Protein backbone atom coordinates (compact mmCIF):
# COMPACT_ATOMS: atom_id res chain seq x y z
CA UNK A 1 32.90 21.44 12.32
CA UNK A 2 31.54 24.56 10.63
CA UNK A 3 28.40 24.63 8.51
CA UNK A 4 30.27 24.65 5.19
CA UNK A 5 32.37 21.63 6.13
CA UNK A 6 29.30 19.80 7.42
CA UNK A 7 27.47 20.44 4.14
CA UNK A 8 30.49 19.16 2.20
CA UNK A 9 30.46 15.86 4.10
CA UNK A 10 26.69 15.50 3.83
CA UNK A 11 26.96 15.82 0.05
CA UNK A 12 29.74 13.21 -0.03
CA UNK A 13 27.73 10.88 2.18
CA UNK A 14 24.74 11.22 -0.16
CA UNK A 15 26.94 10.53 -3.19
CA UNK A 16 28.47 7.38 -1.70
CA UNK A 17 25.09 6.25 -0.41
CA UNK A 18 23.83 6.57 -3.99
CA UNK A 19 26.88 4.63 -5.21
CA UNK A 20 25.92 1.88 -2.78
CA UNK A 21 22.36 1.75 -4.12
CA UNK A 22 23.58 1.78 -7.73
CA UNK A 23 25.99 -1.05 -6.92
CA UNK A 24 23.10 -3.18 -5.65
CA UNK A 25 21.12 -2.42 -8.80
CA UNK A 26 24.09 -3.38 -10.98
CA UNK A 27 24.44 -6.65 -9.11
CA UNK A 28 20.74 -7.38 -9.58
CA UNK A 29 21.12 -6.56 -13.26
CA UNK A 30 23.65 -9.38 -13.61
CA UNK A 31 20.86 -11.79 -12.70
CA UNK A 32 17.75 -10.13 -14.15
CA UNK A 33 19.24 -8.25 -17.15
CA UNK A 34 16.93 -5.20 -17.04
CA UNK A 35 19.90 -3.17 -18.37
CA UNK A 36 20.85 -5.47 -21.23
CA UNK A 37 23.26 -2.90 -22.65
CA UNK A 38 25.71 -3.74 -19.85
CA UNK A 39 27.88 -6.87 -19.92
CA UNK A 40 26.61 -9.94 -18.06
CA UNK A 41 29.14 -9.59 -15.24
CA UNK A 42 29.35 -5.79 -15.04
CA UNK A 43 27.86 -5.58 -11.53
CA UNK A 44 30.15 -8.24 -10.12
CA UNK A 45 33.19 -6.69 -11.80
CA UNK A 46 32.27 -3.31 -10.37
CA UNK A 47 31.71 -4.67 -6.87
CA UNK A 48 34.55 -7.20 -6.51
CA UNK A 49 37.22 -5.71 -8.77
CA UNK A 50 36.69 -2.01 -8.14
CA UNK A 51 34.96 -1.33 -4.81
CA UNK A 52 36.31 -4.26 -2.83
CA UNK A 53 39.68 -4.00 -4.57
CA UNK A 54 40.35 -0.40 -3.47
CA UNK A 55 38.80 -0.72 0.00
CA UNK A 56 41.92 -2.01 1.87
CA UNK A 57 44.02 0.79 0.36
CA UNK A 58 41.49 3.38 1.57
CA UNK A 59 41.49 1.78 5.02
CA UNK A 60 45.27 2.12 5.18
CA UNK A 61 45.64 5.63 3.75
CA UNK A 62 42.39 7.39 4.65
CA UNK A 63 40.45 5.42 7.27
CA UNK A 64 38.87 8.60 8.63
CA UNK A 65 37.58 9.48 5.18
CA UNK A 66 36.04 6.03 4.79
CA UNK A 67 34.36 6.16 8.19
CA UNK A 68 32.87 9.52 7.24
CA UNK A 69 31.36 8.36 3.94
CA UNK A 70 30.74 4.60 4.33
CA UNK A 71 27.17 3.96 3.08
CA UNK A 72 26.57 1.35 5.78
CA UNK A 73 27.78 3.79 8.40
CA UNK A 74 25.41 6.42 7.04
CA UNK A 75 22.60 3.86 7.16
CA UNK A 76 23.34 2.91 10.74
CA UNK A 77 23.36 6.53 11.91
CA UNK A 78 20.03 7.53 10.34
CA UNK A 79 18.19 6.70 13.60
CA UNK A 80 20.56 9.00 15.51
CA UNK A 81 20.30 11.89 13.05
CA UNK A 82 16.52 11.65 12.77
CA UNK A 83 15.95 11.07 16.50
CA UNK A 84 14.27 7.67 16.50
CA UNK A 85 17.10 5.63 18.01
CA UNK A 86 16.48 3.90 21.35
CA UNK A 87 20.10 4.82 22.21
CA UNK A 88 20.80 1.88 24.49
CA UNK A 89 24.19 2.23 26.14
CA UNK A 90 26.51 -0.75 25.90
CA UNK A 91 28.57 -2.07 28.77
CA UNK A 92 32.29 -2.62 28.26
CA UNK A 93 31.61 -6.36 28.11
CA UNK A 94 29.04 -5.85 25.35
CA UNK A 95 31.49 -3.69 23.42
CA UNK A 96 34.13 -6.39 23.68
CA UNK A 97 31.66 -9.10 22.64
CA UNK A 98 30.49 -7.10 19.63
CA UNK A 99 34.07 -6.71 18.43
CA UNK A 100 34.59 -10.47 18.73
CA UNK A 101 31.35 -11.07 16.80
CA UNK A 102 32.52 -8.71 14.03
CA UNK A 103 35.68 -10.80 13.58
CA UNK A 104 33.65 -14.00 13.49
CA UNK A 105 31.33 -12.47 10.86
CA UNK A 106 34.32 -11.43 8.77
CA UNK A 107 35.80 -14.93 8.87
CA UNK A 108 32.43 -16.49 8.05
CA UNK A 109 31.49 -14.18 5.17
CA UNK A 110 34.74 -13.73 3.22
CA UNK A 111 35.35 -17.41 2.29
CA UNK A 112 31.85 -17.63 0.78
CA UNK A 113 33.18 -15.55 -2.13
CA UNK A 114 34.57 -18.85 -3.42
CA UNK A 115 31.20 -20.59 -3.58
CA UNK A 116 28.68 -17.89 -4.52
CA UNK A 117 29.19 -14.69 -6.51
CA UNK A 118 25.93 -14.33 -8.42
CA UNK A 119 24.68 -10.78 -8.60
CA UNK A 120 21.45 -11.72 -6.85
CA UNK A 121 23.20 -13.45 -3.94
CA UNK A 122 25.63 -10.57 -3.38
CA UNK A 123 22.85 -7.98 -3.64
CA UNK A 124 20.70 -9.84 -1.10
CA UNK A 125 23.68 -10.10 1.24
CA UNK A 126 24.34 -6.36 0.99
CA UNK A 127 20.68 -5.57 1.66
CA UNK A 128 20.66 -7.81 4.74
CA UNK A 129 23.85 -6.17 6.00
CA UNK A 130 22.41 -2.69 5.39
CA UNK A 131 19.23 -3.53 7.28
CA UNK A 132 21.35 -4.99 10.10
CA UNK A 133 23.30 -1.72 10.27
CA UNK A 134 20.03 0.23 10.45
CA UNK A 135 18.73 -2.06 13.20
CA UNK A 136 21.91 -1.67 15.24
CA UNK A 137 21.66 2.10 14.90
CA UNK A 138 18.05 1.95 16.02
CA UNK A 139 18.80 -0.11 19.13
CA UNK A 140 22.17 1.23 20.26
CA UNK A 141 23.63 4.64 20.89
CA UNK A 142 25.57 6.38 18.11
CA UNK A 143 28.26 4.30 16.45
CA UNK A 144 28.39 1.63 19.14
CA UNK A 145 25.95 -0.75 17.47
CA UNK A 146 27.47 -0.94 14.00
CA UNK A 147 30.39 1.32 13.01
CA UNK A 148 32.29 0.49 16.21
CA UNK A 149 30.37 -2.69 16.96
CA UNK A 150 29.15 -5.49 14.70
CA UNK A 151 30.48 -4.22 11.35
CA UNK A 152 32.59 -7.09 9.90
CA UNK A 153 34.88 -4.54 8.24
CA UNK A 154 35.76 -2.89 11.58
CA UNK A 155 38.63 -5.28 12.48
CA UNK A 156 40.29 -4.59 9.12
CA UNK A 157 39.83 -0.84 9.56
CA UNK A 158 41.50 -1.03 12.97
CA UNK A 159 44.36 -3.12 11.63
CA UNK A 160 45.11 -1.24 8.42
CA UNK A 161 44.31 2.24 9.72
CA UNK A 162 47.02 2.45 12.38
CA UNK A 163 49.14 4.91 10.37
CA UNK A 164 46.69 7.07 8.36
CA UNK A 165 47.78 9.81 6.04
CA UNK A 166 45.69 12.61 7.55
CA UNK A 167 43.38 13.42 10.43
CA UNK A 168 39.82 14.34 9.50
CA UNK A 169 36.92 15.72 11.48
CA UNK A 170 34.25 13.25 12.48
CA UNK A 171 31.49 14.09 9.99
CA UNK A 172 28.73 12.02 11.60
CA UNK A 173 28.85 13.20 15.20
CA UNK A 174 27.85 16.84 15.72
CA UNK A 175 28.76 16.36 19.37
CA UNK A 176 30.24 13.47 21.31
CA UNK A 177 27.68 11.35 23.12
CA UNK A 178 30.31 9.01 24.54
CA UNK A 179 28.63 6.04 22.88
CA UNK A 180 31.72 3.83 23.03
CA UNK A 181 35.07 3.89 24.75
CA UNK A 182 37.70 4.02 23.44
CA UNK A 183 36.42 5.83 20.36
CA UNK A 184 38.11 5.04 17.05
CA UNK A 185 37.12 8.41 15.60
CA UNK A 186 38.74 10.54 18.28
CA UNK A 187 42.32 11.76 18.45
CA UNK A 188 42.01 12.37 22.18
CA UNK A 189 41.41 8.66 22.74
CA UNK A 190 44.36 6.98 21.10
CA UNK A 191 43.12 3.49 20.32
CA UNK A 192 45.82 2.95 17.72
CA UNK A 193 48.79 0.60 17.84
CA UNK A 194 51.22 3.40 17.13
CA UNK A 195 50.09 5.40 20.16
CA UNK A 196 49.53 2.96 22.99
CA UNK A 197 51.27 -0.02 24.45
CA UNK A 198 50.34 -3.22 22.59
CA UNK A 199 50.12 -4.90 25.99
CA UNK A 200 47.03 -2.77 26.71
CA UNK A 201 45.31 -3.78 23.47
CA UNK A 202 42.50 -6.27 23.90
CA UNK A 203 43.44 -9.91 23.50
CA UNK A 204 40.66 -10.18 20.90
CA UNK A 205 42.37 -7.60 18.71
CA UNK A 206 45.78 -9.21 19.16
CA UNK A 207 44.31 -12.54 18.10
CA UNK A 208 42.99 -10.86 14.97
CA UNK A 209 46.35 -9.18 14.26
CA UNK A 210 48.10 -12.54 14.51
CA UNK A 211 45.60 -14.55 12.48
CA UNK A 212 44.69 -12.17 9.66
CA UNK A 213 47.82 -12.45 7.46
CA UNK A 214 47.43 -16.23 7.37
CA UNK A 215 43.71 -15.91 6.71
CA UNK A 216 44.37 -13.64 3.71
CA UNK A 217 47.08 -15.94 2.35
CA UNK A 218 44.90 -19.01 2.84
CA UNK A 219 41.98 -17.39 1.04
CA UNK A 220 44.05 -17.10 -2.12
CA UNK A 221 45.03 -20.77 -1.98
CA UNK A 222 41.42 -21.93 -2.42
CA UNK A 223 39.98 -22.96 -5.77
CA UNK A 224 37.07 -20.88 -7.02
CA UNK A 225 33.90 -22.97 -6.92
CA UNK A 226 31.54 -20.05 -7.56
CA UNK A 227 30.89 -20.93 -11.19
CA UNK A 228 30.13 -24.59 -10.43
CA UNK A 229 26.72 -26.03 -9.68
CA UNK A 230 28.12 -27.91 -6.68
CA UNK A 231 29.92 -24.93 -5.15
CA UNK A 232 28.17 -25.19 -1.79
CA UNK A 233 29.37 -28.76 -1.41
CA UNK A 234 32.94 -27.49 -1.06
CA UNK A 235 32.52 -25.46 2.13
CA UNK A 236 35.09 -27.62 3.89
CA UNK A 237 37.78 -26.69 1.36
CA UNK A 238 36.66 -23.07 1.26
CA UNK A 239 37.07 -22.60 5.00
CA UNK A 240 39.92 -24.99 5.74
CA UNK A 241 42.75 -23.12 3.99
CA UNK A 242 41.98 -19.61 5.32
CA UNK A 243 41.45 -20.90 8.86
CA UNK A 244 44.53 -23.11 8.72
CA UNK A 245 46.60 -20.17 7.51
CA UNK A 246 45.10 -18.01 10.27
CA UNK A 247 46.02 -20.59 12.90
CA UNK A 248 49.62 -20.89 11.67
CA UNK A 249 50.34 -17.15 11.72
CA UNK A 250 48.48 -16.75 15.01
CA UNK A 251 50.67 -19.38 16.68
CA UNK A 252 53.78 -17.65 15.33
CA UNK A 253 52.51 -14.27 16.55
CA UNK A 254 51.71 -15.49 20.06
CA UNK A 255 55.08 -17.23 20.43
CA UNK A 256 56.93 -14.09 19.38
CA UNK A 257 54.69 -11.87 21.51
CA UNK A 258 55.76 -13.66 24.68
CA UNK A 259 59.43 -12.92 24.02
CA UNK A 260 59.28 -9.30 22.86
CA UNK A 261 59.47 -5.98 24.64
CA UNK A 262 56.79 -3.33 24.21
CA UNK A 263 58.73 -1.53 21.46
CA UNK A 264 59.48 -4.78 19.67
CA UNK A 265 55.86 -5.88 19.93
CA UNK A 266 54.75 -2.67 18.22
CA UNK A 267 57.07 -3.53 15.34
CA UNK A 268 55.70 -7.06 15.24
CA UNK A 269 52.14 -5.75 14.96
CA UNK A 270 53.20 -3.42 12.13
CA UNK A 271 54.93 -6.35 10.41
CA UNK A 272 51.78 -8.48 10.54
CA UNK A 273 49.68 -5.55 9.35
CA UNK A 274 51.96 -4.90 6.37
CA UNK A 275 52.07 -8.62 5.62
CA UNK A 276 48.28 -8.91 5.47
CA UNK A 277 47.60 -5.98 3.15
CA UNK A 278 50.60 -6.61 0.90
CA UNK A 279 49.56 -10.26 0.57
CA UNK A 280 46.11 -9.16 -0.56
CA UNK A 281 47.42 -6.84 -3.28
CA UNK A 282 50.24 -9.25 -4.19
CA UNK A 283 47.59 -11.60 -5.54
CA UNK A 284 44.84 -9.17 -6.53
CA UNK A 285 46.68 -6.55 -8.61
CA UNK A 286 47.85 -8.97 -11.35
CA UNK A 287 44.39 -10.53 -11.41
CA UNK A 288 42.56 -7.20 -11.73
CA UNK A 289 44.95 -6.07 -14.47
CA UNK A 290 44.41 -9.27 -16.44
CA UNK A 291 48.04 -10.34 -16.13
CA UNK A 292 47.07 -13.86 -15.08
CA UNK A 293 45.20 -16.60 -16.93
CA UNK A 294 41.83 -14.84 -16.64
CA UNK A 295 40.71 -11.43 -17.90
CA UNK A 296 40.93 -8.46 -15.58
CA UNK A 297 38.26 -6.00 -14.50
CA UNK A 298 35.84 -5.11 -17.33
CA UNK A 299 37.82 -7.35 -19.68
CA UNK A 300 41.19 -5.60 -19.25
CA UNK A 301 43.92 -7.82 -20.65
CA UNK A 302 47.54 -7.00 -19.80
CA UNK A 303 48.68 -10.58 -20.30
CA UNK A 304 51.33 -9.35 -22.76
CA UNK A 305 53.01 -7.69 -19.77
CA UNK A 306 52.84 -10.75 -17.53
CA UNK A 307 56.64 -10.77 -17.28
CA UNK A 308 56.34 -7.64 -15.12
CA UNK A 309 54.13 -9.42 -12.59
CA UNK A 310 56.91 -10.18 -10.10
CA UNK A 311 58.22 -6.62 -10.27
CA UNK A 312 54.73 -5.25 -9.58
CA UNK A 313 54.22 -7.64 -6.69
CA UNK A 314 57.59 -6.74 -5.19
CA UNK A 315 56.82 -3.02 -5.53
CA UNK A 316 53.49 -3.49 -3.79
CA UNK A 317 55.12 -5.33 -0.90
CA UNK A 318 57.87 -2.73 -0.51
CA UNK A 319 55.33 0.10 -0.55
CA UNK A 320 53.25 -1.27 2.29
CA UNK A 321 56.24 -2.18 4.42
CA UNK A 322 57.55 1.33 3.86
CA UNK A 323 54.13 2.76 4.73
CA UNK A 324 53.94 1.00 8.07
CA UNK A 325 57.63 0.93 9.05
CA UNK A 326 59.53 3.86 7.51
CA UNK A 327 56.99 6.63 7.97
CA UNK A 328 57.56 8.44 11.25
CA UNK A 329 54.58 10.77 11.04
CA UNK A 330 51.76 9.47 13.18
CA UNK A 331 48.25 10.88 13.19
CA UNK A 332 44.85 9.53 14.17
CA UNK A 333 41.75 8.89 12.11
CA UNK A 334 39.66 11.80 13.24
CA UNK A 335 39.05 14.66 15.63
CA UNK A 336 36.65 13.98 18.46
CA UNK A 337 33.67 16.33 18.61
CA UNK A 338 33.22 18.42 21.73
CA UNK A 339 31.61 16.55 24.61
CA UNK A 340 28.67 18.68 25.79
CA UNK A 341 27.58 19.39 29.31
CA UNK A 342 25.53 16.64 30.92
CA UNK A 343 22.29 18.59 30.81
CA UNK A 344 22.53 18.94 27.04
CA UNK A 345 22.77 15.20 26.40
CA UNK A 346 19.10 14.45 26.89
């Protein structure tokens, strides 16, 4: 990466880091109202209905871009860039365990959206996650602690990012320090479903592939208890539907996996990937546009066009199945930086 390109990415990282900080302030404003000119729920609308809403689409189309500018990723790599990381090297077993923990964190955190959405609670959660990312970067080498380790978004990035639009240079790593293997940000190490045999994928990842569509579907079948005083008393209902859905699709996936060839299994993984992301937008797009019973983001109300809801949902589903099945062009997330000579690694 030349100096001009590096400067470009550093500016983008600073901008998105600032967006992350502003988002936390907006969430806090929902609770403390120090910016009374903004609507009461502006921070939550911005976070849930803009940032979180577009995130899966970015993971699918431009995962390399996201991994270059993610504010949490930037936070976790500060110790590396400023030379105060302990740079502990992980074993392969530790790497595998961290990936399992990231899936568990994802499945624990996401259902809580149904019981607590106050600006203060979300802001505190984001701060804790950011500090966790910094701590992981301080303890472990490079991206192994957070970006390719404990980050609860990592499993979704791996699942949705298997057919990205473009390949981008890795903007965080000036040189490869071989912090984790295989590396998600390297086109020489093809840790993508489209490039390697699904039989060589870790069982942990295959379990996630099989369970995630049902988890997403189940999440949307849960009532929203966030605005009720007794929301935390409904944790059983909040977790039961997503986990039940996850179990059902996982069982279906594992049964089919046993009977399929390598080529057919690749198609099955793509089918489950397309099912998960299309299910998410099937429910979320009408809601964000205000085509359902409640108002959309920032009060948008397209309820007069509610009769187009099914057409929009069908178009969304067709798009994602086309994206993962019909597109033949296959690229990877990013280019791996040059691995230096051993004597230059110290």
